[in-house]
């Protein structure tokens, strides 16, 4: 699982936090710090990164509960993001190829 998540762009530390949350269920920050033996600043940096990627959610209550997105849902999220990236690359490639043909035509004329 670690290699898969790292392959989708999560850092090793992000992956550790995600897997821990996925195994233990929703946790408060202080409980995560204890369970992971991770300094507060590092933990919240990881949690914010995971939240931005959609891998972790945060409740609105205080203190907040952090929850991991189900692994299957996370994989689907990463797959959709990669498909969108590929489509963008294809469009960019086609646009660049058209520009190159245009420049080549102007040089040959």
PDB file of N, CA and C in Angstrom:
ATOM      1  N   UNK A   1       0.835  -1.193   0.000  1.00  0.00           N
ATOM      2  CA  UNK A   1       0.000   0.000   0.000  1.00  0.00           C
ATOM      3  C   UNK A   1       0.876   1.252   0.000  1.00  0.00           C
ATOM      4  N   UNK A   2       1.990   1.213   0.756  1.00  0.00           N
ATOM      5  CA  UNK A   2       2.864   2.380   0.813  1.00  0.00           C
ATOM      6  C   UNK A   2       3.393   2.739  -0.572  1.00  0.00           C
ATOM      7  N   UNK A   3       3.851   1.746  -1.329  1.00  0.00           N
ATOM      8  CA  UNK A   3       4.401   2.022  -2.652  1.00  0.00           C
ATOM      9  C   UNK A   3       3.334   2.582  -3.584  1.00  0.00           C
ATOM     10  N   UNK A   4       2.124   2.066  -3.484  1.00  0.00           N
ATOM     11  CA  UNK A   4       1.029   2.552  -4.330  1.00  0.00           C
ATOM     12  C   UNK A   4       0.748   4.018  -4.034  1.00  0.00           C
ATOM     13  N   UNK A   5       0.612   4.347  -2.748  1.00  0.00           N
ATOM     14  CA  UNK A   5       0.302   5.725  -2.364  1.00  0.00           C
ATOM     15  C   UNK A   5       1.447   6.670  -2.710  1.00  0.00           C
ATOM     16  N   UNK A   6       2.667   6.229  -2.503  1.00  0.00           N
ATOM     17  CA  UNK A   6       3.804   7.065  -2.868  1.00  0.00           C
ATOM     18  C   UNK A   6       3.871   7.243  -4.379  1.00  0.00           C
ATOM     19  N   UNK A   7       3.460   6.213  -5.124  1.00  0.00           N
ATOM     20  CA  UNK A   7       3.416   6.307  -6.581  1.00  0.00           C
ATOM     21  C   UNK A   7       2.404   7.330  -7.071  1.00  0.00           C
ATOM     22  N   UNK A   8       1.404   7.617  -6.250  1.00  0.00           N
ATOM     23  CA  UNK A   8       0.410   8.629  -6.599  1.00  0.00           C
ATOM     24  C   UNK A   8       0.772  10.000  -6.049  1.00  0.00           C
ATOM     25  N   UNK A   9       2.005  10.140  -5.562  1.00  0.00           N
ATOM     26  CA  UNK A   9       2.481  11.458  -5.175  1.00  0.00           C
ATOM     27  C   UNK A   9       2.423  11.798  -3.702  1.00  0.00           C
ATOM     28  N   UNK A  10       2.024  10.856  -2.853  1.00  0.00           N
ATOM     29  CA  UNK A  10       2.063  11.130  -1.419  1.00  0.00           C
ATOM     30  C   UNK A  10       3.479  10.902  -0.910  1.00  0.00           C
ATOM     31  N   UNK A  11       3.912  11.765   0.000  1.00  0.00           N
ATOM     32  CA  UNK A  11       5.226  11.568   0.607  1.00  0.00           C
ATOM     33  C   UNK A  11       5.148  10.385   1.571  1.00  0.00           C
ATOM     34  N   UNK A  12       6.285   9.920   1.991  1.00  0.00           N
ATOM     35  CA  UNK A  12       6.317   8.810   2.954  1.00  0.00           C
ATOM     36  C   UNK A  12       5.578   9.196   4.233  1.00  0.00           C
ATOM     37  N   UNK A  13       5.801  10.409   4.722  1.00  0.00           N
ATOM     38  CA  UNK A  13       5.137  10.870   5.950  1.00  0.00           C
ATOM     39  C   UNK A  13       3.629  10.981   5.762  1.00  0.00           C
ATOM     40  N   UNK A  14       3.202  11.487   4.596  1.00  0.00           N
ATOM     41  CA  UNK A  14       1.766  11.565   4.302  1.00  0.00           C
ATOM     42  C   UNK A  14       1.161  10.163   4.328  1.00  0.00           C
ATOM     43  N   UNK A  15       1.875   9.229   3.730  1.00  0.00           N
ATOM     44  CA  UNK A  15       1.390   7.855   3.639  1.00  0.00           C
ATOM     45  C   UNK A  15       1.261   7.234   5.019  1.00  0.00           C
ATOM     46  N   UNK A  16       2.231   7.483   5.892  1.00  0.00           N
ATOM     47  CA  UNK A  16       2.180   6.947   7.258  1.00  0.00           C
ATOM     48  C   UNK A  16       0.923   7.456   7.967  1.00  0.00           C
ATOM     49  N   UNK A  17       0.665   8.752   7.855  1.00  0.00           N
ATOM     50  CA  UNK A  17      -0.510   9.337   8.518  1.00  0.00           C
ATOM     51  C   UNK A  17      -1.794   8.772   7.909  1.00  0.00           C
ATOM     52  N   UNK A  18      -1.873   8.707   6.582  1.00  0.00           N
ATOM     53  CA  UNK A  18      -3.070   8.178   5.933  1.00  0.00           C
ATOM     54  C   UNK A  18      -3.340   6.734   6.365  1.00  0.00           C
ATOM     55  N   UNK A  19      -2.337   5.886   6.306  1.00  0.00           N
ATOM     56  CA  UNK A  19      -2.513   4.463   6.643  1.00  0.00           C
ATOM     57  C   UNK A  19      -2.928   4.314   8.099  1.00  0.00           C
ATOM     58  N   UNK A  20      -2.321   5.093   8.983  1.00  0.00           N
ATOM     59  CA  UNK A  20      -2.682   5.036  10.402  1.00  0.00           C
ATOM     60  C   UNK A  20      -4.156   5.395  10.594  1.00  0.00           C
ATOM     61  N   UNK A  21      -4.582   6.473   9.958  1.00  0.00           N
ATOM     62  CA  UNK A  21      -5.986   6.883  10.062  1.00  0.00           C
ATOM     63  C   UNK A  21      -6.920   5.846   9.443  1.00  0.00           C
ATOM     64  N   UNK A  22      -6.510   5.265   8.332  1.00  0.00           N
ATOM     65  CA  UNK A  22      -7.339   4.256   7.673  1.00  0.00           C
ATOM     66  C   UNK A  22      -7.510   3.031   8.573  1.00  0.00           C
ATOM     67  N   UNK A  23      -6.471   2.684   9.306  1.00  0.00           N
ATOM     68  CA  UNK A  23      -6.520   1.512  10.191  1.00  0.00           C
ATOM     69  C   UNK A  23      -7.280   1.790  11.479  1.00  0.00           C
ATOM     70  N   UNK A  24      -7.076   2.970  12.060  1.00  0.00           N
ATOM     71  CA  UNK A  24      -7.633   3.247  13.388  1.00  0.00           C
ATOM     72  C   UNK A  24      -9.001   3.903  13.354  1.00  0.00           C
ATOM     73  N   UNK A  25      -9.359   4.499  12.234  1.00  0.00           N
ATOM     74  CA  UNK A  25     -10.611   5.242  12.166  1.00  0.00           C
ATOM     75  C   UNK A  25     -10.394   6.679  12.591  1.00  0.00           C
ATOM     76  N   UNK A  26     -11.468   7.470  12.650  1.00  0.00           N
ATOM     77  CA  UNK A  26     -11.357   8.899  12.967  1.00  0.00           C
ATOM     78  C   UNK A  26     -10.602   9.143  14.276  1.00  0.00           C
ATOM     79  N   UNK A  27      -9.735  10.141  14.245  1.00  0.00           N
ATOM     80  CA  UNK A  27      -8.895  10.471  15.400  1.00  0.00           C
ATOM     81  C   UNK A  27      -8.799  11.982  15.566  1.00  0.00           C
ATOM     82  N   UNK A  28      -8.607  12.388  16.797  1.00  0.00           N
ATOM     83  CA  UNK A  28      -8.316  13.792  17.092  1.00  0.00           C
ATOM     84  C   UNK A  28      -6.816  14.003  16.928  1.00  0.00           C
ATOM     85  N   UNK A  29      -6.420  15.245  16.706  1.00  0.00           N
ATOM     86  CA  UNK A  29      -5.018  15.556  16.489  1.00  0.00           C
ATOM     87  C   UNK A  29      -4.108  15.058  17.594  1.00  0.00           C
ATOM     88  N   UNK A  30      -4.497  15.290  18.831  1.00  0.00           N
ATOM     89  CA  UNK A  30      -3.619  14.883  19.948  1.00  0.00           C
ATOM     90  C   UNK A  30      -3.456  13.369  20.003  1.00  0.00           C
ATOM     91  N   UNK A  31      -4.526  12.636  19.645  1.00  0.00           N
ATOM     92  CA  UNK A  31      -4.430  11.181  19.629  1.00  0.00           C
ATOM     93  C   UNK A  31      -3.529  10.702  18.486  1.00  0.00           C
ATOM     94  N   UNK A  32      -3.588  11.401  17.364  1.00  0.00           N
ATOM     95  CA  UNK A  32      -2.693  11.084  16.247  1.00  0.00           C
ATOM     96  C   UNK A  32      -1.238  11.345  16.624  1.00  0.00           C
ATOM     97  N   UNK A  33      -0.992  12.463  17.311  1.00  0.00           N
ATOM     98  CA  UNK A  33       0.380  12.774  17.730  1.00  0.00           C
ATOM     99  C   UNK A  33       0.931  11.662  18.618  1.00  0.00           C
ATOM    100  N   UNK A  34       0.109  11.204  19.548  1.00  0.00           N
ATOM    101  CA  UNK A  34       0.542  10.120  20.452  1.00  0.00           C
ATOM    102  C   UNK A  34       0.740   8.814  19.691  1.00  0.00           C
ATOM    103  N   UNK A  35      -0.252   8.443  18.899  1.00  0.00           N
ATOM    104  CA  UNK A  35      -0.200   7.168  18.193  1.00  0.00           C
ATOM    105  C   UNK A  35       0.921   7.080  17.176  1.00  0.00           C
ATOM    106  N   UNK A  36       1.172   8.187  16.503  1.00  0.00           N
ATOM    107  CA  UNK A  36       2.217   8.216  15.479  1.00  0.00           C
ATOM    108  C   UNK A  36       3.575   8.650  16.026  1.00  0.00           C
ATOM    109  N   UNK A  37       3.559   9.176  17.254  1.00  0.00           N
ATOM    110  CA  UNK A  37       4.783   9.734  17.851  1.00  0.00           C
ATOM    111  C   UNK A  37       5.408  10.761  16.907  1.00  0.00           C
ATOM    112  N   UNK A  38       4.528  11.678  16.491  1.00  0.00           N
ATOM    113  CA  UNK A  38       4.931  12.692  15.513  1.00  0.00           C
ATOM    114  C   UNK A  38       4.736  14.070  16.140  1.00  0.00           C
ATOM    115  N   UNK A  39       5.701  14.971  15.961  1.00  0.00           N
ATOM    116  CA  UNK A  39       5.540  16.340  16.482  1.00  0.00           C
ATOM    117  C   UNK A  39       4.316  17.025  15.870  1.00  0.00           C
ATOM    118  N   UNK A  40       3.704  17.884  16.651  1.00  0.00           N
ATOM    119  CA  UNK A  40       2.476  18.567  16.246  1.00  0.00           C
ATOM    120  C   UNK A  40       2.615  19.283  14.909  1.00  0.00           C
ATOM    121  N   UNK A  41       3.677  20.064  14.747  1.00  0.00           N
ATOM    122  CA  UNK A  41       3.846  20.842  13.509  1.00  0.00           C
ATOM    123  C   UNK A  41       3.933  19.924  12.297  1.00  0.00           C
ATOM    124  N   UNK A  42       4.684  18.843  12.421  1.00  0.00           N
ATOM    125  CA  UNK A  42       4.824  17.910  11.302  1.00  0.00           C
ATOM    126  C   UNK A  42       3.495  17.217  11.013  1.00  0.00           C
ATOM    127  N   UNK A  43       2.792  16.803  12.059  1.00  0.00           N
ATOM    128  CA  UNK A  43       1.514  16.121  11.878  1.00  0.00           C
ATOM    129  C   UNK A  43       0.524  17.017  11.143  1.00  0.00           C
ATOM    130  N   UNK A  44       0.380  18.260  11.569  1.00  0.00           N
ATOM    131  CA  UNK A  44      -0.607  19.137  10.942  1.00  0.00           C
ATOM    132  C   UNK A  44      -0.206  19.522   9.521  1.00  0.00           C
ATOM    133  N   UNK A  45       1.082  19.566   9.253  1.00  0.00           N
ATOM    134  CA  UNK A  45       1.541  19.778   7.883  1.00  0.00           C
ATOM    135  C   UNK A  45       1.097  18.605   7.009  1.00  0.00           C
ATOM    136  N   UNK A  46       1.272  17.393   7.501  1.00  0.00           N
ATOM    137  CA  UNK A  46       0.868  16.176   6.779  1.00  0.00           C
ATOM    138  C   UNK A  46      -0.650  16.137   6.607  1.00  0.00           C
ATOM    139  N   UNK A  47      -1.385  16.438   7.672  1.00  0.00           N
ATOM    140  CA  UNK A  47      -2.855  16.419   7.603  1.00  0.00           C
ATOM    141  C   UNK A  47      -3.365  17.442   6.592  1.00  0.00           C
ATOM    142  N   UNK A  48      -2.783  18.633   6.588  1.00  0.00           N
ATOM    143  CA  UNK A  48      -3.204  19.654   5.620  1.00  0.00           C
ATOM    144  C   UNK A  48      -2.907  19.216   4.192  1.00  0.00           C
ATOM    145  N   UNK A  49      -1.752  18.609   3.984  1.00  0.00           N
ATOM    146  CA  UNK A  49      -1.404  18.111   2.658  1.00  0.00           C
ATOM    147  C   UNK A  49      -2.394  17.024   2.224  1.00  0.00           C
ATOM    148  N   UNK A  50      -2.703  16.118   3.123  1.00  0.00           N
ATOM    149  CA  UNK A  50      -3.651  15.039   2.812  1.00  0.00           C
ATOM    150  C   UNK A  50      -5.056  15.598   2.554  1.00  0.00           C
ATOM    151  N   UNK A  51      -5.448  16.615   3.292  1.00  0.00           N
ATOM    152  CA  UNK A  51      -6.756  17.236   3.074  1.00  0.00           C
ATOM    153  C   UNK A  51      -6.814  17.900   1.705  1.00  0.00           C
ATOM    154  N   UNK A  52      -5.738  18.579   1.308  1.00  0.00           N
ATOM    155  CA  UNK A  52      -5.701  19.233  -0.004  1.00  0.00           C
ATOM    156  C   UNK A  52      -5.817  18.209  -1.127  1.00  0.00           C
ATOM    157  N   UNK A  53      -5.290  17.021  -0.920  1.00  0.00           N
ATOM    158  CA  UNK A  53      -5.350  15.969  -1.940  1.00  0.00           C
ATOM    159  C   UNK A  53      -6.655  15.181  -1.865  1.00  0.00           C
ATOM    160  N   UNK A  54      -7.469  15.451  -0.850  1.00  0.00           N
ATOM    161  CA  UNK A  54      -8.744  14.767  -0.710  1.00  0.00           C
ATOM    162  C   UNK A  54      -8.662  13.429  -0.002  1.00  0.00           C
ATOM    163  N   UNK A  55      -7.508  13.104   0.567  1.00  0.00           N
ATOM    164  CA  UNK A  55      -7.298  11.802   1.209  1.00  0.00           C
ATOM    165  C   UNK A  55      -7.813  11.772   2.644  1.00  0.00           C
ATOM    166  N   UNK A  56      -7.924  12.941   3.262  1.00  0.00           N
ATOM    167  CA  UNK A  56      -8.350  13.045   4.665  1.00  0.00           C
ATOM    168  C   UNK A  56      -9.379  14.161   4.773  1.00  0.00           C
ATOM    169  N   UNK A  57     -10.361  13.942   5.640  1.00  0.00           N
ATOM    170  CA  UNK A  57     -11.348  14.984   5.930  1.00  0.00           C
ATOM    171  C   UNK A  57     -11.203  15.410   7.385  1.00  0.00           C
ATOM    172  N   UNK A  58     -11.713  16.592   7.665  1.00  0.00           N
ATOM    173  CA  UNK A  58     -11.657  17.161   9.013  1.00  0.00           C
ATOM    174  C   UNK A  58     -13.070  17.579   9.397  1.00  0.00           C
ATOM    175  N   UNK A  59     -13.497  17.169  10.584  1.00  0.00           N
ATOM    176  CA  UNK A  59     -14.838  17.548  11.041  1.00  0.00           C
ATOM    177  C   UNK A  59     -14.832  19.008  11.455  1.00  0.00           C
ATOM    178  N   UNK A  60     -16.014  19.593  11.566  1.00  0.00           N
ATOM    179  CA  UNK A  60     -16.117  21.002  11.959  1.00  0.00           C
ATOM    180  C   UNK A  60     -16.179  21.167  13.477  1.00  0.00           C
ATOM    181  N   UNK A  61     -16.325  20.081  14.189  1.00  0.00           N
ATOM    182  CA  UNK A  61     -16.390  20.172  15.651  1.00  0.00           C
ATOM    183  C   UNK A  61     -15.025  20.531  16.231  1.00  0.00           C
ATOM    184  N   UNK A  62     -15.030  20.895  17.502  1.00  0.00           N
ATOM    185  CA  UNK A  62     -13.778  21.242  18.169  1.00  0.00           C
ATOM    186  C   UNK A  62     -13.630  20.416  19.428  1.00  0.00           C
ATOM    187  N   UNK A  63     -12.553  19.700  19.613  1.00  0.00           N
ATOM    188  CA  UNK A  63     -11.459  19.509  18.667  1.00  0.00           C
ATOM    189  C   UNK A  63     -11.901  18.637  17.486  1.00  0.00           C
ATOM    190  N   UNK A  64     -11.292  18.905  16.363  1.00  0.00           N
ATOM    191  CA  UNK A  64     -11.676  18.257  15.113  1.00  0.00           C
ATOM    192  C   UNK A  64     -11.289  16.783  15.097  1.00  0.00           C
ATOM    193  N   UNK A  65     -12.088  16.024  14.363  1.00  0.00           N
ATOM    194  CA  UNK A  65     -11.775  14.622  14.088  1.00  0.00           C
ATOM    195  C   UNK A  65     -11.294  14.526  12.652  1.00  0.00           C
ATOM    196  N   UNK A  66     -10.207  13.813  12.456  1.00  0.00           N
ATOM    197  CA  UNK A  66      -9.665  13.577  11.124  1.00  0.00           C
ATOM    198  C   UNK A  66      -9.998  12.160  10.704  1.00  0.00           C
ATOM    199  N   UNK A  67     -10.428  11.996   9.462  1.00  0.00           N
ATOM    200  CA  UNK A  67     -10.814  10.685   8.938  1.00  0.00           C
ATOM    201  C   UNK A  67     -10.144  10.465   7.590  1.00  0.00           C
ATOM    202  N   UNK A  68      -9.771   9.216   7.334  1.00  0.00           N
ATOM    203  CA  UNK A  68      -9.174   8.859   6.050  1.00  0.00           C
ATOM    204  C   UNK A  68     -10.279   8.471   5.075  1.00  0.00           C
ATOM    205  N   UNK A  69     -10.144   8.915   3.850  1.00  0.00           N
ATOM    206  CA  UNK A  69     -11.030   8.469   2.779  1.00  0.00           C
ATOM    207  C   UNK A  69     -10.782   6.983   2.572  1.00  0.00           C
ATOM    208  N   UNK A  70     -11.818   6.222   2.279  1.00  0.00           N
ATOM    209  CA  UNK A  70     -11.646   4.790   2.022  1.00  0.00           C
ATOM    210  C   UNK A  70     -10.617   4.599   0.905  1.00  0.00           C
ATOM    211  N   UNK A  71      -9.787   3.564   1.041  1.00  0.00           N
ATOM    212  CA  UNK A  71      -8.695   3.329   0.096  1.00  0.00           C
ATOM    213  C   UNK A  71      -9.203   3.258  -1.341  1.00  0.00           C
ATOM    214  N   UNK A  72     -10.293   2.542  -1.571  1.00  0.00           N
ATOM    215  CA  UNK A  72     -10.847   2.421  -2.930  1.00  0.00           C
ATOM    216  C   UNK A  72     -11.255   3.789  -3.473  1.00  0.00           C
ATOM    217  N   UNK A  73     -11.888   4.607  -2.633  1.00  0.00           N
ATOM    218  CA  UNK A  73     -12.287   5.951  -3.050  1.00  0.00           C
ATOM    219  C   UNK A  73     -11.069   6.823  -3.340  1.00  0.00           C
ATOM    220  N   UNK A  74     -10.023   6.667  -2.540  1.00  0.00           N
ATOM    221  CA  UNK A  74      -8.799   7.423  -2.770  1.00  0.00           C
ATOM    222  C   UNK A  74      -8.166   7.026  -4.094  1.00  0.00           C
ATOM    223  N   UNK A  75      -8.136   5.745  -4.385  1.00  0.00           N
ATOM    224  CA  UNK A  75      -7.574   5.284  -5.658  1.00  0.00           C
ATOM    225  C   UNK A  75      -8.378   5.850  -6.828  1.00  0.00           C
ATOM    226  N   UNK A  76      -9.702   5.841  -6.721  1.00  0.00           N
ATOM    227  CA  UNK A  76     -10.551   6.408  -7.772  1.00  0.00           C
ATOM    228  C   UNK A  76     -10.268   7.904  -7.954  1.00  0.00           C
ATOM    229  N   UNK A  77     -10.066   8.608  -6.853  1.00  0.00           N
ATOM    230  CA  UNK A  77      -9.750  10.034  -6.900  1.00  0.00           C
ATOM    231  C   UNK A  77      -8.428  10.265  -7.629  1.00  0.00           C
ATOM    232  N   UNK A  78      -7.416   9.483  -7.284  1.00  0.00           N
ATOM    233  CA  UNK A  78      -6.107   9.607  -7.934  1.00  0.00           C
ATOM    234  C   UNK A  78      -6.188   9.231  -9.410  1.00  0.00           C
ATOM    235  N   UNK A  79      -6.940   8.204  -9.728  1.00  0.00           N
ATOM    236  CA  UNK A  79      -7.079   7.784 -11.123  1.00  0.00           C
ATOM    237  C   UNK A  79      -7.736   8.883 -11.948  1.00  0.00           C
ATOM    238  N   UNK A  80      -8.826   9.469 -11.413  1.00  0.00           N
ATOM    239  CA  UNK A  80      -9.496  10.567 -12.130  1.00  0.00           C
ATOM    240  C   UNK A  80      -8.536  11.739 -12.349  1.00  0.00           C
ATOM    241  N   UNK A  81      -7.749  12.064 -11.325  1.00  0.00           N
ATOM    242  CA  UNK A  81      -6.801  13.178 -11.449  1.00  0.00           C
ATOM    243  C   UNK A  81      -5.755  12.870 -12.519  1.00  0.00           C
ATOM    244  N   UNK A  82      -5.290  11.645 -12.562  1.00  0.00           N
ATOM    245  CA  UNK A  82      -4.291  11.268 -13.572  1.00  0.00           C
ATOM    246  C   UNK A  82      -4.893  11.258 -14.972  1.00  0.00           C
ATOM    247  N   UNK A  83      -6.127  10.835 -15.107  1.00  0.00           N
ATOM    248  CA  UNK A  83      -6.800  10.856 -16.414  1.00  0.00           C
ATOM    249  C   UNK A  83      -6.920  12.303 -16.903  1.00  0.00           C
ATOM    250  N   UNK A  84      -7.293  13.209 -16.008  1.00  0.00           N
ATOM    251  CA  UNK A  84      -7.397  14.618 -16.376  1.00  0.00           C
ATOM    252  C   UNK A  84      -6.040  15.170 -16.804  1.00  0.00           C
ATOM    253  N   UNK A  85      -4.973  14.759 -16.101  1.00  0.00           N
ATOM    254  CA  UNK A  85      -3.627  15.206 -16.468  1.00  0.00           C
ATOM    255  C   UNK A  85      -3.252  14.714 -17.859  1.00  0.00           C
ATOM    256  N   UNK A  86      -3.559  13.460 -18.159  1.00  0.00           N
ATOM    257  CA  UNK A  86      -3.243  12.892 -19.464  1.00  0.00           C
ATOM    258  C   UNK A  86      -4.008  13.635 -20.549  1.00  0.00           C
ATOM    259  N   UNK A  87      -5.278  13.926 -20.319  1.00  0.00           N
ATOM    260  CA  UNK A  87      -6.073  14.658 -21.307  1.00  0.00           C
ATOM    261  C   UNK A  87      -5.495  16.055 -21.549  1.00  0.00           C
ATOM    262  N   UNK A  88      -5.060  16.712 -20.492  1.00  0.00           N
ATOM    263  CA  UNK A  88      -4.441  18.029 -20.626  1.00  0.00           C
ATOM    264  C   UNK A  88      -3.147  17.938 -21.429  1.00  0.00           C
ATOM    265  N   UNK A  89      -2.347  16.904 -21.151  1.00  0.00           N
ATOM    266  CA  UNK A  89      -1.104  16.705 -21.908  1.00  0.00           C
ATOM    267  C   UNK A  89      -1.378  16.457 -23.382  1.00  0.00           C
ATOM    268  N   UNK A  90      -2.403  15.680 -23.677  1.00  0.00           N
ATOM    269  CA  UNK A  90      -2.758  15.423 -25.084  1.00  0.00           C
ATOM    270  C   UNK A  90      -3.147  16.704 -25.793  1.00  0.00           C
ATOM    271  N   UNK A  91      -3.968  17.513 -25.122  1.00  0.00           N
ATOM    272  CA  UNK A  91      -4.388  18.778 -25.720  1.00  0.00           C
ATOM    273  C   UNK A  91      -3.184  19.693 -25.943  1.00  0.00           C
ATOM    274  N   UNK A  92      -2.296  19.757 -24.973  1.00  0.00           N
ATOM    275  CA  UNK A  92      -1.103  20.588 -25.087  1.00  0.00           C
ATOM    276  C   UNK A  92      -0.214  20.089 -26.219  1.00  0.00           C
ATOM    277  N   UNK A  93      -0.053  18.773 -26.311  1.00  0.00           N
ATOM    278  CA  UNK A  93       0.767  18.193 -27.375  1.00  0.00           C
ATOM    279  C   UNK A  93       0.210  18.561 -28.741  1.00  0.00           C
ATOM    280  N   UNK A  94      -1.104  18.420 -28.906  1.00  0.00           N
ATOM    281  CA  UNK A  94      -1.726  18.734 -30.196  1.00  0.00           C
ATOM    282  C   UNK A  94      -1.556  20.209 -30.547  1.00  0.00           C
ATOM    283  N   UNK A  95      -1.698  21.058 -29.551  1.00  0.00           N
ATOM    284  CA  UNK A  95      -1.536  22.496 -29.777  1.00  0.00           C
ATOM    285  C   UNK A  95      -0.088  22.807 -30.175  1.00  0.00           C
ATOM    286  N   UNK A  96       0.869  22.206 -29.481  1.00  0.00           N
ATOM    287  CA  UNK A  96       2.283  22.434 -29.803  1.00  0.00           C
ATOM    288  C   UNK A  96       2.635  21.893 -31.186  1.00  0.00           C
ATOM    289  N   UNK A  97       2.092  20.743 -31.533  1.00  0.00           N
ATOM    290  CA  UNK A  97       2.344  20.188 -32.859  1.00  0.00           C
ATOM    291  C   UNK A  97       1.797  21.107 -33.948  1.00  0.00           C
ATOM    292  N   UNK A  98       0.620  21.662 -33.725  1.00  0.00           N
ATOM    293  CA  UNK A  98       0.029  22.584 -34.702  1.00  0.00           C
ATOM    294  C   UNK A  98       0.891  23.831 -34.840  1.00  0.00           C
ATOM    295  N   UNK A  99       1.387  24.352 -33.735  1.00  0.00           N
ATOM    296  CA  UNK A  99       2.251  25.539 -33.790  1.00  0.00           C
ATOM    297  C   UNK A  99       3.558  25.234 -34.529  1.00  0.00           C
ATOM    298  N   UNK A 100       4.116  24.050 -34.252  1.00  0.00           N
ATOM    299  CA  UNK A 100       5.365  23.660 -34.933  1.00  0.00           C
ATOM    300  C   UNK A 100       5.149  23.550 -36.436  1.00  0.00           C
ATOM    301  N   UNK A 101       4.023  22.978 -36.844  1.00  0.00           N
ATOM    302  CA  UNK A 101       3.716  22.878 -38.284  1.00  0.00           C
ATOM    303  C   UNK A 101       3.573  24.268 -38.895  1.00  0.00           C
ATOM    304  N   UNK A 102       2.951  25.168 -38.158  1.00  0.00           N
ATOM    305  CA  UNK A 102       2.754  26.530 -38.643  1.00  0.00           C
ATOM    306  C   UNK A 102       4.089  27.244 -38.810  1.00  0.00           C
ATOM    307  N   UNK A 103       4.968  27.098 -37.825  1.00  0.00           N
ATOM    308  CA  UNK A 103       6.287  27.727 -37.896  1.00  0.00           C
ATOM    309  C   UNK A 103       7.089  27.120 -39.044  1.00  0.00           C
ATOM    310  N   UNK A 104       7.056  25.802 -39.177  1.00  0.00           N
ATOM    311  CA  UNK A 104       7.784  25.134 -40.253  1.00  0.00           C
ATOM    312  C   UNK A 104       7.280  25.598 -41.612  1.00  0.00           C
ATOM    313  N   UNK A 105       5.968  25.781 -41.738  1.00  0.00           N
ATOM    314  CA  UNK A 105       5.397  26.237 -43.002  1.00  0.00           C
ATOM    315  C   UNK A 105       5.877  27.653 -43.329  1.00  0.00           C
ATOM    316  N   UNK A 106       5.918  28.524 -42.326  1.00  0.00           N
ATOM    317  CA  UNK A 106       6.377  29.897 -42.546  1.00  0.00           C
ATOM    318  C   UNK A 106       7.847  29.926 -42.956  1.00  0.00           C
ATOM    319  N   UNK A 107       8.641  29.055 -42.361  1.00  0.00           N
ATOM    320  CA  UNK A 107      10.079  29.002 -42.693  1.00  0.00           C
ATOM    321  C   UNK A 107      10.249  28.509 -44.131  1.00  0.00           C
ATOM    322  N   UNK A 108       9.457  27.549 -44.536  1.00  0.00           N
ATOM    323  CA  UNK A 108       9.574  26.964 -45.884  1.00  0.00           C
ATOM    324  C   UNK A 108       8.978  27.864 -46.961  1.00  0.00           C
ATOM    325  N   UNK A 109       8.116  28.801 -46.590  1.00  0.00           N
ATOM    326  CA  UNK A 109       7.490  29.682 -47.594  1.00  0.00           C
ATOM    327  C   UNK A 109       8.357  30.804 -47.992  1.00  0.00           C
TER     328      UNK A 109
END
